[in-house]
Amino acid sequence: MASLRFTAPAAYVLNPLEYAAAPHREYLRRYGAGRPQVLFVGMNPGPWGMAQTGVPFGAVSAVRDWMGIDEPVGRPVREHPKRPIEGFGCTREEVSGARLWGWARERFQTPKRFFSRFFVGNYCPLLFLDEGGRNVVPEKLRAEERRAVQEPCDRALRRVAEHLGVAWVVGVGGYAEKRAQTALDGLDVRIGRVLHPSPASPAANRGWSEAATRELLELGIEV
């Protein structure tokens, strides 16, 4: 994807798999070597989560204090002045990540117990920001740019699902579920969805943990 070029609304494009490669590799080394039953798939990095820590939904406190990951984070070649990359020194907390990993800690207590059955990834590794610093989700890219992103991301998601051998792929939000349905067509895997934990969602603000637990149980996934 490094060769792709983007236009407005995507004025800034950051790839934490490059400048935050060290914590991302540590996440995979520690927690990506098992045979989980369920793969959670988010959409793409948030400016205060994976963009800072290299870990999907990577709120700093969850990654550092619960997962035990605190690796050096570099700087992107071009970053937005309103969204600086501070790595594990970032003092802002990604709400979505705090909710998702807070739920995992509440339900399973330890990372070992959670990751024995679940793994968490992102569909797209790139963070898109507009000129004002606002997050641009992949579905808001120009049509030809969106298609250029989806082709390698679909292929990567399929390879991850095959490699892990999961029975379920659960989209965190509707966009991730739709991409999973396309990317995994013909693969022997069941696809579901849980509510996205974004603070922009009134339903999530009324109790995301309870909603996610209920939705997983309705799918037949024991939590």
C-alpha atoms as a PDB file:
ATOM      1  CA  MET A   1       0.000   0.000   0.000  1.00  0.00           C
ATOM      2  CA  ALA A   2       3.004   2.299   0.266  1.00  0.00           C
ATOM      3  CA  SER A   3       2.705   3.174  -3.424  1.00  0.00           C
ATOM      4  CA  LEU A   4      -0.885   4.431  -3.119  1.00  0.00           C
ATOM      5  CA  ARG A   5      -1.551   8.147  -3.330  1.00  0.00           C
ATOM      6  CA  PHE A   6      -4.535   9.958  -1.841  1.00  0.00           C
ATOM      7  CA  THR A   7      -6.355  13.228  -2.390  1.00  0.00           C
ATOM      8  CA  ALA A   8      -8.891  15.208  -0.346  1.00  0.00           C
ATOM      9  CA  PRO A   9     -10.435  14.487   2.053  1.00  0.00           C
ATOM     10  CA  ALA A  10      -7.360  12.401   2.988  1.00  0.00           C
ATOM     11  CA  ALA A  11      -4.760  15.143   3.397  1.00  0.00           C
ATOM     12  CA  TYR A  12      -2.521  13.133   5.759  1.00  0.00           C
ATOM     13  CA  VAL A  13      -1.940   9.369   5.606  1.00  0.00           C
ATOM     14  CA  LEU A  14      -0.066   7.594   8.408  1.00  0.00           C
ATOM     15  CA  ASN A  15       1.010   3.962   8.559  1.00  0.00           C
ATOM     16  CA  PRO A  16       1.737   2.836  12.141  1.00  0.00           C
ATOM     17  CA  LEU A  17       2.980  -0.522  10.830  1.00  0.00           C
ATOM     18  CA  GLU A  18       6.057   1.443   9.754  1.00  0.00           C
ATOM     19  CA  TYR A  19       6.848   3.972  12.496  1.00  0.00           C
ATOM     20  CA  ALA A  20       5.275   1.873  15.296  1.00  0.00           C
ATOM     21  CA  ALA A  21       6.577  -1.440  13.992  1.00  0.00           C
ATOM     22  CA  ALA A  22       8.285  -2.413  17.269  1.00  0.00           C
ATOM     23  CA  PRO A  23       5.149  -2.535  19.467  1.00  0.00           C
ATOM     24  CA  HIS A  24       3.150  -4.059  16.626  1.00  0.00           C
ATOM     25  CA  ARG A  25       5.661  -6.895  16.265  1.00  0.00           C
ATOM     26  CA  GLU A  26       5.605  -7.413  20.030  1.00  0.00           C
ATOM     27  CA  TYR A  27       1.799  -7.626  19.941  1.00  0.00           C
ATOM     28  CA  LEU A  28       1.991 -10.302  17.261  1.00  0.00           C
ATOM     29  CA  ARG A  29       4.797 -12.154  19.027  1.00  0.00           C
ATOM     30  CA  ARG A  30       3.010 -12.289  22.362  1.00  0.00           C
ATOM     31  CA  TYR A  31      -0.577 -12.742  21.305  1.00  0.00           C
ATOM     32  CA  GLY A  32      -0.744 -13.758  17.650  1.00  0.00           C
ATOM     33  CA  ALA A  33       0.790 -17.209  17.784  1.00  0.00           C
ATOM     34  CA  GLY A  34      -2.210 -19.122  19.144  1.00  0.00           C
ATOM     35  CA  ARG A  35      -5.257 -20.715  17.550  1.00  0.00           C
ATOM     36  CA  PRO A  36      -8.131 -18.435  18.570  1.00  0.00           C
ATOM     37  CA  GLN A  37     -11.750 -19.173  17.777  1.00  0.00           C
ATOM     38  CA  VAL A  38     -12.736 -15.576  17.025  1.00  0.00           C
ATOM     39  CA  LEU A  39     -11.058 -12.763  15.105  1.00  0.00           C
ATOM     40  CA  PHE A  40     -12.356  -9.285  15.900  1.00  0.00           C
ATOM     41  CA  VAL A  41     -11.783  -6.892  12.995  1.00  0.00           C
ATOM     42  CA  GLY A  42     -11.795  -3.126  13.409  1.00  0.00           C
ATOM     43  CA  MET A  43     -11.894  -0.615  10.585  1.00  0.00           C
ATOM     44  CA  ASN A  44      -8.575   1.289  10.726  1.00  0.00           C
ATOM     45  CA  PRO A  45      -6.373   3.036  13.312  1.00  0.00           C
ATOM     46  CA  GLY A  46      -7.631   5.894  15.432  1.00  0.00           C
ATOM     47  CA  PRO A  47      -5.412   8.945  16.053  1.00  0.00           C
ATOM     48  CA  TRP A  48      -5.128   8.230  19.796  1.00  0.00           C
ATOM     49  CA  GLY A  49      -5.036   4.443  19.581  1.00  0.00           C
ATOM     50  CA  MET A  50      -3.184   2.319  17.049  1.00  0.00           C
ATOM     51  CA  ALA A  51      -1.675   5.465  15.534  1.00  0.00           C
ATOM     52  CA  GLN A  52       0.194   5.925  18.836  1.00  0.00           C
ATOM     53  CA  THR A  53       0.881   2.339  19.942  1.00  0.00           C
ATOM     54  CA  GLY A  54       0.846   0.191  16.793  1.00  0.00           C
ATOM     55  CA  VAL A  55      -1.778  -2.109  18.361  1.00  0.00           C
ATOM     56  CA  PRO A  56      -5.367  -2.320  17.066  1.00  0.00           C
ATOM     57  CA  PHE A  57      -7.715  -0.252  19.253  1.00  0.00           C
ATOM     58  CA  GLY A  58      -4.491   0.468  21.128  1.00  0.00           C
ATOM     59  CA  ALA A  59      -5.414   2.841  23.928  1.00  0.00           C
ATOM     60  CA  VAL A  60      -2.105   3.524  25.689  1.00  0.00           C
ATOM     61  CA  SER A  61      -3.168   2.343  29.147  1.00  0.00           C
ATOM     62  CA  ALA A  62      -4.552  -0.950  27.832  1.00  0.00           C
ATOM     63  CA  VAL A  63      -1.495  -1.759  25.714  1.00  0.00           C
ATOM     64  CA  ARG A  64       1.091  -0.730  28.276  1.00  0.00           C
ATOM     65  CA  ASP A  65      -0.557  -1.668  31.577  1.00  0.00           C
ATOM     66  CA  TRP A  66      -2.663  -4.701  30.632  1.00  0.00           C
ATOM     67  CA  MET A  67      -0.819  -6.261  27.700  1.00  0.00           C
ATOM     68  CA  GLY A  68       2.618  -5.295  29.006  1.00  0.00           C
ATOM     69  CA  ILE A  69       3.791  -3.770  25.723  1.00  0.00           C
ATOM     70  CA  ASP A  70       5.864  -0.585  25.829  1.00  0.00           C
ATOM     71  CA  GLU A  71       8.175  -0.460  22.822  1.00  0.00           C
ATOM     72  CA  PRO A  72       9.775   2.532  21.075  1.00  0.00           C
ATOM     73  CA  VAL A  73       7.620   4.405  18.580  1.00  0.00           C
ATOM     74  CA  GLY A  74       9.161   6.543  15.855  1.00  0.00           C
ATOM     75  CA  ARG A  75       7.642   9.395  13.893  1.00  0.00           C
ATOM     76  CA  PRO A  76       5.909   9.300  10.524  1.00  0.00           C
ATOM     77  CA  VAL A  77       7.499  11.159   7.660  1.00  0.00           C
ATOM     78  CA  ARG A  78       4.599  13.617   7.615  1.00  0.00           C
ATOM     79  CA  GLU A  79       2.275  14.078  10.575  1.00  0.00           C
ATOM     80  CA  HIS A  80      -0.582  16.437  11.247  1.00  0.00           C
ATOM     81  CA  PRO A  81       0.393  19.271  13.607  1.00  0.00           C
ATOM     82  CA  LYS A  82      -2.838  18.804  15.544  1.00  0.00           C
ATOM     83  CA  ARG A  83      -2.385  15.035  15.830  1.00  0.00           C
ATOM     84  CA  PRO A  84       1.234  14.515  16.916  1.00  0.00           C
ATOM     85  CA  ILE A  85       2.577  11.001  17.294  1.00  0.00           C
ATOM     86  CA  GLU A  86       3.825  10.710  20.880  1.00  0.00           C
ATOM     87  CA  GLY A  87       3.788   6.923  21.229  1.00  0.00           C
ATOM     88  CA  PHE A  88       3.360   5.674  24.759  1.00  0.00           C
ATOM     89  CA  GLY A  89       3.832   9.213  26.004  1.00  0.00           C
ATOM     90  CA  CYS A  90       0.452  10.163  24.540  1.00  0.00           C
ATOM     91  CA  THR A  91      -1.846  11.357  27.315  1.00  0.00           C
ATOM     92  CA  ARG A  92      -5.078  11.170  25.336  1.00  0.00           C
ATOM     93  CA  GLU A  93      -7.039   7.944  25.544  1.00  0.00           C
ATOM     94  CA  GLU A  94      -8.823   6.419  22.596  1.00  0.00           C
ATOM     95  CA  VAL A  95     -12.359   5.844  23.848  1.00  0.00           C
ATOM     96  CA  SER A  96     -13.077   2.973  21.442  1.00  0.00           C
ATOM     97  CA  GLY A  97      -9.901   1.175  22.508  1.00  0.00           C
ATOM     98  CA  ALA A  98     -10.489   1.801  26.203  1.00  0.00           C
ATOM     99  CA  ARG A  99     -13.961   0.301  25.857  1.00  0.00           C
ATOM    100  CA  LEU A 100     -12.945  -2.756  23.823  1.00  0.00           C
ATOM    101  CA  TRP A 101      -9.888  -3.686  25.881  1.00  0.00           C
ATOM    102  CA  GLY A 102     -11.671  -2.726  29.098  1.00  0.00           C
ATOM    103  CA  TRP A 103     -14.358  -5.243  28.201  1.00  0.00           C
ATOM    104  CA  ALA A 104     -11.711  -7.895  27.511  1.00  0.00           C
ATOM    105  CA  ARG A 105     -10.069  -7.259  30.879  1.00  0.00           C
ATOM    106  CA  GLU A 106     -13.397  -7.269  32.702  1.00  0.00           C
ATOM    107  CA  ARG A 107     -14.575 -10.538  31.127  1.00  0.00           C
ATOM    108  CA  PHE A 108     -11.271 -12.448  31.004  1.00  0.00           C
ATOM    109  CA  GLN A 109      -9.036 -10.755  33.608  1.00  0.00           C
ATOM    110  CA  THR A 110      -5.730 -11.619  31.900  1.00  0.00           C
ATOM    111  CA  PRO A 111      -4.455 -11.235  28.327  1.00  0.00           C
ATOM    112  CA  LYS A 112      -3.572 -14.928  28.294  1.00  0.00           C
ATOM    113  CA  ARG A 113      -7.173 -15.947  28.892  1.00  0.00           C
ATOM    114  CA  PHE A 114      -8.551 -13.489  26.351  1.00  0.00           C
ATOM    115  CA  PHE A 115      -6.094 -14.245  23.568  1.00  0.00           C
ATOM    116  CA  SER A 116      -6.485 -17.997  23.998  1.00  0.00           C
ATOM    117  CA  ARG A 117      -9.903 -17.572  22.357  1.00  0.00           C
ATOM    118  CA  PHE A 118      -9.823 -14.188  20.622  1.00  0.00           C
ATOM    119  CA  PHE A 119      -7.550 -12.037  18.499  1.00  0.00           C
ATOM    120  CA  VAL A 120      -8.016  -8.407  17.445  1.00  0.00           C
ATOM    121  CA  GLY A 121      -6.900  -6.907  14.149  1.00  0.00           C
ATOM    122  CA  ASN A 122      -7.733  -4.024  11.824  1.00  0.00           C
ATOM    123  CA  TYR A 123      -9.009  -4.252   8.274  1.00  0.00           C
ATOM    124  CA  CYS A 124      -6.920  -1.299   7.058  1.00  0.00           C
ATOM    125  CA  PRO A 125      -3.577  -0.305   8.637  1.00  0.00           C
ATOM    126  CA  LEU A 126      -3.691   3.319   7.492  1.00  0.00           C
ATOM    127  CA  LEU A 127      -4.921   6.385   9.384  1.00  0.00           C
ATOM    128  CA  PHE A 128      -6.452   9.094   7.201  1.00  0.00           C
ATOM    129  CA  LEU A 129      -6.818  12.678   8.424  1.00  0.00           C
ATOM    130  CA  ASP A 130      -8.272  15.699   6.686  1.00  0.00           C
ATOM    131  CA  GLU A 131      -6.680  19.156   6.663  1.00  0.00           C
ATOM    132  CA  GLY A 132      -8.308  20.030   9.975  1.00  0.00           C
ATOM    133  CA  GLY A 133      -7.098  16.848  11.678  1.00  0.00           C
ATOM    134  CA  ARG A 134     -10.419  15.039  11.611  1.00  0.00           C
ATOM    135  CA  ASN A 135     -10.436  11.284  11.132  1.00  0.00           C
ATOM    136  CA  VAL A 136     -11.451  10.116   7.642  1.00  0.00           C
ATOM    137  CA  VAL A 137     -12.827   6.579   7.646  1.00  0.00           C
ATOM    138  CA  PRO A 138     -11.954   4.417   4.607  1.00  0.00           C
ATOM    139  CA  GLU A 139     -15.504   4.435   3.270  1.00  0.00           C
ATOM    140  CA  LYS A 140     -15.266   8.236   2.913  1.00  0.00           C
ATOM    141  CA  LEU A 141     -12.294   8.090   0.534  1.00  0.00           C
ATOM    142  CA  ARG A 142     -12.784   8.852  -3.139  1.00  0.00           C
ATOM    143  CA  ALA A 143     -14.229   5.834  -4.941  1.00  0.00           C
ATOM    144  CA  GLU A 144     -11.097   4.937  -6.914  1.00  0.00           C
ATOM    145  CA  GLU A 145      -8.889   5.377  -3.842  1.00  0.00           C
ATOM    146  CA  ARG A 146     -11.254   3.298  -1.722  1.00  0.00           C
ATOM    147  CA  ARG A 147     -11.107   0.467  -4.258  1.00  0.00           C
ATOM    148  CA  ALA A 148      -7.298   0.646  -4.318  1.00  0.00           C
ATOM    149  CA  VAL A 149      -7.257   0.260  -0.517  1.00  0.00           C
ATOM    150  CA  GLN A 150      -9.776  -2.554  -0.412  1.00  0.00           C
ATOM    151  CA  GLU A 151      -7.942  -4.907  -2.770  1.00  0.00           C
ATOM    152  CA  PRO A 152      -4.819  -5.467  -0.610  1.00  0.00           C
ATOM    153  CA  CYS A 153      -6.799  -5.183   2.631  1.00  0.00           C
ATOM    154  CA  ASP A 154      -9.279  -7.852   1.522  1.00  0.00           C
ATOM    155  CA  ARG A 155      -6.393 -10.117   0.591  1.00  0.00           C
ATOM    156  CA  ALA A 156      -4.625  -9.515   3.900  1.00  0.00           C
ATOM    157  CA  LEU A 157      -7.762 -10.163   5.968  1.00  0.00           C
ATOM    158  CA  ARG A 158      -8.306 -13.454   4.195  1.00  0.00           C
ATOM    159  CA  ARG A 159      -4.702 -14.512   4.820  1.00  0.00           C
ATOM    160  CA  VAL A 160      -4.970 -13.630   8.520  1.00  0.00           C
ATOM    161  CA  ALA A 161      -8.225 -15.576   8.924  1.00  0.00           C
ATOM    162  CA  GLU A 162      -6.718 -18.594   7.157  1.00  0.00           C
ATOM    163  CA  HIS A 163      -3.489 -18.390   9.154  1.00  0.00           C
ATOM    164  CA  LEU A 164      -5.258 -18.221  12.508  1.00  0.00           C
ATOM    165  CA  GLY A 165      -7.795 -20.865  11.512  1.00  0.00           C
ATOM    166  CA  VAL A 166     -10.645 -19.022  13.222  1.00  0.00           C
ATOM    167  CA  ALA A 167     -14.235 -20.223  13.198  1.00  0.00           C
ATOM    168  CA  TRP A 168     -15.626 -16.695  13.504  1.00  0.00           C
ATOM    169  CA  VAL A 169     -14.721 -13.266  12.137  1.00  0.00           C
ATOM    170  CA  VAL A 170     -16.610 -10.541  13.957  1.00  0.00           C
ATOM    171  CA  GLY A 171     -16.637  -7.050  12.529  1.00  0.00           C
ATOM    172  CA  VAL A 172     -16.457  -4.284  15.091  1.00  0.00           C
ATOM    173  CA  GLY A 173     -19.010  -2.127  13.353  1.00  0.00           C
ATOM    174  CA  GLY A 174     -20.840  -2.445  10.067  1.00  0.00           C
ATOM    175  CA  TYR A 175     -18.017  -1.465   7.704  1.00  0.00           C
ATOM    176  CA  ALA A 176     -15.675  -4.174   8.979  1.00  0.00           C
ATOM    177  CA  GLU A 177     -18.461  -6.752   8.785  1.00  0.00           C
ATOM    178  CA  LYS A 178     -19.205  -5.847   5.148  1.00  0.00           C
ATOM    179  CA  ARG A 179     -15.541  -6.054   4.154  1.00  0.00           C
ATOM    180  CA  ALA A 180     -15.216  -9.415   5.888  1.00  0.00           C
ATOM    181  CA  GLN A 181     -18.202 -10.737   3.946  1.00  0.00           C
ATOM    182  CA  THR A 182     -16.497  -9.806   0.692  1.00  0.00           C
ATOM    183  CA  ALA A 183     -12.931 -10.750   1.603  1.00  0.00           C
ATOM    184  CA  LEU A 184     -13.841 -14.127   3.111  1.00  0.00           C
ATOM    185  CA  ASP A 185     -16.362 -15.248   0.506  1.00  0.00           C
ATOM    186  CA  GLY A 186     -16.091 -19.016   0.085  1.00  0.00           C
ATOM    187  CA  LEU A 187     -13.971 -19.481   3.198  1.00  0.00           C
ATOM    188  CA  ASP A 188     -15.253 -21.841   5.894  1.00  0.00           C
ATOM    189  CA  VAL A 189     -15.750 -19.151   8.501  1.00  0.00           C
ATOM    190  CA  ARG A 190     -18.804 -17.553  10.089  1.00  0.00           C
ATOM    191  CA  ILE A 191     -19.150 -13.774  10.048  1.00  0.00           C
ATOM    192  CA  GLY A 192     -20.870 -11.600  12.612  1.00  0.00           C
ATOM    193  CA  ARG A 193     -20.889  -8.102  14.000  1.00  0.00           C
ATOM    194  CA  VAL A 194     -20.846  -6.191  17.253  1.00  0.00           C
ATOM    195  CA  LEU A 195     -21.625  -2.546  17.869  1.00  0.00           C
ATOM    196  CA  HIS A 196     -18.689  -0.205  17.319  1.00  0.00           C
ATOM    197  CA  PRO A 197     -17.506   1.283  20.642  1.00  0.00           C
ATOM    198  CA  SER A 198     -17.089   4.792  19.212  1.00  0.00           C
ATOM    199  CA  PRO A 199     -18.187   7.690  21.432  1.00  0.00           C
ATOM    200  CA  ALA A 200     -20.000   8.993  18.343  1.00  0.00           C
ATOM    201  CA  SER A 201     -22.482   6.123  18.771  1.00  0.00           C
ATOM    202  CA  PRO A 202     -25.351   6.882  21.188  1.00  0.00           C
ATOM    203  CA  ALA A 203     -25.960   3.144  21.598  1.00  0.00           C
ATOM    204  CA  ALA A 204     -22.316   2.556  22.564  1.00  0.00           C
ATOM    205  CA  ASN A 205     -22.465   5.415  25.042  1.00  0.00           C
ATOM    206  CA  ARG A 206     -25.407   3.757  26.777  1.00  0.00           C
ATOM    207  CA  GLY A 207     -23.284   0.711  27.606  1.00  0.00           C
ATOM    208  CA  TRP A 208     -21.024  -0.797  24.971  1.00  0.00           C
ATOM    209  CA  SER A 209     -19.712  -3.638  27.134  1.00  0.00           C
ATOM    210  CA  GLU A 210     -23.189  -4.940  27.866  1.00  0.00           C
ATOM    211  CA  ALA A 211     -24.253  -4.547  24.228  1.00  0.00           C
ATOM    212  CA  ALA A 212     -21.188  -6.368  22.881  1.00  0.00           C
ATOM    213  CA  THR A 213     -21.608  -9.233  25.338  1.00  0.00           C
ATOM    214  CA  ARG A 214     -25.262  -9.595  24.376  1.00  0.00           C
ATOM    215  CA  GLU A 215     -24.504  -9.529  20.646  1.00  0.00           C
ATOM    216  CA  LEU A 216     -21.775 -12.155  20.951  1.00  0.00           C
ATOM    217  CA  LEU A 217     -24.046 -14.446  22.963  1.00  0.00           C
ATOM    218  CA  GLU A 218     -26.755 -14.018  20.332  1.00  0.00           C
ATOM    219  CA  LEU A 219     -24.267 -15.134  17.691  1.00  0.00           C
ATOM    220  CA  GLY A 220     -23.516 -18.206  19.775  1.00  0.00           C
ATOM    221  CA  ILE A 221     -20.066 -17.087  20.915  1.00  0.00           C
ATOM    222  CA  GLU A 222     -19.496 -17.844  24.571  1.00  0.00           C
ATOM    223  CA  VAL A 223     -18.051 -15.020  26.631  1.00  0.00           C
END
